[in-house]
C-alpha atoms as a PDB file:
ATOM      1  CA  MET A   1      89.706 168.544  80.603  1.00  0.00           C
ATOM      2  CA  SER A   2      91.762 166.901  77.847  1.00  0.00           C
ATOM      3  CA  LEU A   3      93.569 163.622  78.299  1.00  0.00           C
ATOM      4  CA  ASP A   4      97.350 163.535  77.909  1.00  0.00           C
ATOM      5  CA  LEU A   5      98.108 160.242  76.225  1.00  0.00           C
ATOM      6  CA  SER A   6     101.588 161.192  75.039  1.00  0.00           C
ATOM      7  CA  LEU A   7     103.147 158.373  77.102  1.00  0.00           C
ATOM      8  CA  TYR A   8     100.599 155.787  75.961  1.00  0.00           C
ATOM      9  CA  ASP A   9     102.262 153.048  73.874  1.00  0.00           C
ATOM     10  CA  LYS A  10     100.141 151.445  71.137  1.00  0.00           C
ATOM     11  CA  VAL A  11     102.500 148.446  71.052  1.00  0.00           C
ATOM     12  CA  LEU A  12     101.641 147.656  74.667  1.00  0.00           C
ATOM     13  CA  GLU A  13      97.868 147.963  74.337  1.00  0.00           C
ATOM     14  CA  ASN A  14      97.849 144.281  73.362  1.00  0.00           C
ATOM     15  CA  ARG A  15      97.188 142.177  76.472  1.00  0.00           C
ATOM     16  CA  VAL A  16      99.774 139.472  75.710  1.00  0.00           C
ATOM     17  CA  ARG A  17     102.536 141.988  74.910  1.00  0.00           C
ATOM     18  CA  LEU A  18     101.768 143.903  78.103  1.00  0.00           C
ATOM     19  CA  GLN A  19     101.915 140.653  80.091  1.00  0.00           C
ATOM     20  CA  ILE A  20     105.218 139.666  78.467  1.00  0.00           C
ATOM     21  CA  MET A  21     106.748 143.028  79.329  1.00  0.00           C
ATOM     22  CA  SER A  22     105.418 142.806  82.898  1.00  0.00           C
ATOM     23  CA  ILE A  23     107.169 139.471  83.320  1.00  0.00           C
ATOM     24  CA  LEU A  24     110.422 140.648  81.736  1.00  0.00           C
ATOM     25  CA  VAL A  25     110.543 143.879  83.747  1.00  0.00           C
ATOM     26  CA  ALA A  26     110.130 141.858  86.953  1.00  0.00           C
ATOM     27  CA  ASN A  27     112.580 139.092  85.961  1.00  0.00           C
ATOM     28  CA  GLU A  28     116.058 139.090  84.437  1.00  0.00           C
ATOM     29  CA  HIS A  29     114.964 136.756  81.629  1.00  0.00           C
ATOM     30  CA  TYR A  30     112.341 134.180  80.756  1.00  0.00           C
ATOM     31  CA  ASP A  31     112.341 131.293  78.288  1.00  0.00           C
ATOM     32  CA  PHE A  32     109.726 130.588  75.637  1.00  0.00           C
ATOM     33  CA  ASN A  33     108.139 127.539  77.268  1.00  0.00           C
ATOM     34  CA  SER A  34     107.869 129.211  80.677  1.00  0.00           C
ATOM     35  CA  LEU A  35     106.228 132.277  79.116  1.00  0.00           C
ATOM     36  CA  LYS A  36     103.838 130.050  77.166  1.00  0.00           C
ATOM     37  CA  GLU A  37     102.831 128.139  80.290  1.00  0.00           C
ATOM     38  CA  LEU A  38     102.494 131.220  82.491  1.00  0.00           C
ATOM     39  CA  LEU A  39     100.450 133.200  79.954  1.00  0.00           C
ATOM     40  CA  ASP A  40      98.433 130.178  78.753  1.00  0.00           C
ATOM     41  CA  VAL A  41      98.753 131.089  75.073  1.00  0.00           C
ATOM     42  CA  THR A  42      99.510 129.113  71.932  1.00  0.00           C
ATOM     43  CA  ASP A  43     102.979 128.851  70.415  1.00  0.00           C
ATOM     44  CA  GLY A  44     101.923 130.982  67.460  1.00  0.00           C
ATOM     45  CA  ASN A  45     100.289 133.687  69.557  1.00  0.00           C
ATOM     46  CA  LEU A  46     103.312 133.966  71.839  1.00  0.00           C
ATOM     47  CA  ALA A  47     105.795 133.886  68.953  1.00  0.00           C
ATOM     48  CA  SER A  48     104.036 136.659  67.020  1.00  0.00           C
ATOM     49  CA  ASN A  49     103.801 138.905  70.074  1.00  0.00           C
ATOM     50  CA  LEU A  50     107.447 138.291  70.990  1.00  0.00           C
ATOM     51  CA  LYS A  51     108.406 139.126  67.403  1.00  0.00           C
ATOM     52  CA  SER A  52     106.507 142.421  67.631  1.00  0.00           C
ATOM     53  CA  LEU A  53     108.323 143.346  70.849  1.00  0.00           C
ATOM     54  CA  GLU A  54     111.669 142.368  69.347  1.00  0.00           C
ATOM     55  CA  LYS A  55     110.976 144.429  66.213  1.00  0.00           C
ATOM     56  CA  GLU A  56     110.282 147.493  68.404  1.00  0.00           C
ATOM     57  CA  GLY A  57     113.541 146.922  70.288  1.00  0.00           C
ATOM     58  CA  TYR A  58     111.736 146.237  73.574  1.00  0.00           C
ATOM     59  CA  ILE A  59     113.259 142.780  74.068  1.00  0.00           C
ATOM     60  CA  THR A  60     116.322 140.811  73.018  1.00  0.00           C
ATOM     61  CA  VAL A  61     116.419 137.147  72.057  1.00  0.00           C
ATOM     62  CA  GLU A  62     119.156 134.710  73.086  1.00  0.00           C
ATOM     63  CA  LYS A  63     119.129 131.251  71.506  1.00  0.00           C
ATOM     64  CA  SER A  64     121.162 128.382  72.934  1.00  0.00           C
ATOM     65  CA  PHE A  65     121.039 124.656  73.551  1.00  0.00           C
ATOM     66  CA  VAL A  66     120.426 122.995  76.917  1.00  0.00           C
ATOM     67  CA  ASP A  67     121.063 119.246  76.911  1.00  0.00           C
ATOM     68  CA  ARG A  68     120.909 119.302  73.092  1.00  0.00           C
ATOM     69  CA  LYS A  69     117.489 120.958  73.161  1.00  0.00           C
ATOM     70  CA  PRO A  70     116.957 124.455  71.796  1.00  0.00           C
ATOM     71  CA  ASN A  71     116.347 127.076  74.453  1.00  0.00           C
ATOM     72  CA  THR A  72     115.290 130.646  73.718  1.00  0.00           C
ATOM     73  CA  LYS A  73     115.560 133.313  76.418  1.00  0.00           C
ATOM     74  CA  TYR A  74     114.029 136.757  76.267  1.00  0.00           C
ATOM     75  CA  ARG A  75     115.228 139.860  78.103  1.00  0.00           C
ATOM     76  CA  ARG A  76     113.807 143.349  78.216  1.00  0.00           C
ATOM     77  CA  THR A  77     115.916 146.194  76.901  1.00  0.00           C
ATOM     78  CA  GLU A  78     116.258 149.589  78.551  1.00  0.00           C
ATOM     79  CA  LYS A  79     114.071 150.986  75.775  1.00  0.00           C
ATOM     80  CA  GLY A  80     111.463 148.336  76.566  1.00  0.00           C
ATOM     81  CA  LYS A  81     111.592 149.038  80.286  1.00  0.00           C
ATOM     82  CA  LYS A  82     111.192 152.776  79.739  1.00  0.00           C
ATOM     83  CA  SER A  83     108.299 152.284  77.310  1.00  0.00           C
ATOM     84  CA  PHE A  84     106.602 149.942  79.781  1.00  0.00           C
ATOM     85  CA  GLU A  85     107.015 152.431  82.642  1.00  0.00           C
ATOM     86  CA  ASN A  86     105.717 155.287  80.490  1.00  0.00           C
ATOM     87  CA  HIS A  87     102.735 153.214  79.389  1.00  0.00           C
ATOM     88  CA  LEU A  88     101.844 152.398  82.999  1.00  0.00           C
ATOM     89  CA  ALA A  89     102.143 156.082  83.925  1.00  0.00           C
ATOM     90  CA  ALA A  90      99.790 156.991  81.067  1.00  0.00           C
ATOM     91  CA  LEU A  91      97.253 154.406  82.236  1.00  0.00           C
ATOM     92  CA  GLU A  92      97.517 155.649  85.830  1.00  0.00           C
ATOM     93  CA  ASN A  93      96.965 159.232  84.675  1.00  0.00           C
ATOM     94  CA  LEU A  94      93.963 158.175  82.617  1.00  0.00           C
ATOM     95  CA  ILE A  95      92.424 156.412  85.618  1.00  0.00           C
ATOM     96  CA  LYS A  96      93.091 159.381  87.909  1.00  0.00           C
ATOM     97  CA  GLN A  97      91.531 161.813  85.435  1.00  0.00           C
ATOM     98  CA  GLN A  98      88.481 159.620  84.941  1.00  0.00           C
ATOM     99  CA  TYR A  99      87.890 158.472  88.506  1.00  0.00           C
ATOM    100  CA  GLY A 100      90.126 160.552  90.760  1.00  0.00           C
END
């Protein structure tokens, strides 16, 4: 039996990127500091993974100021949501084929 990995997304095989997308699919938006705290990652690690997701068109970035402090919000795009859903389906199929 051959595995169908056509829906598997290499971008989302990274744990931090998968976690970011999980958060953004479940929430309307999230800011940088809240993501950093929730995921317990460094600024650089989070920034590079967010940049990768933005480059793929999976998230959008909105920069603003709140009480004169910079605030960056991230939102998932429809493309990002669809890729995330497809990736989860591929993982579910893999598990079913291996253990089901």
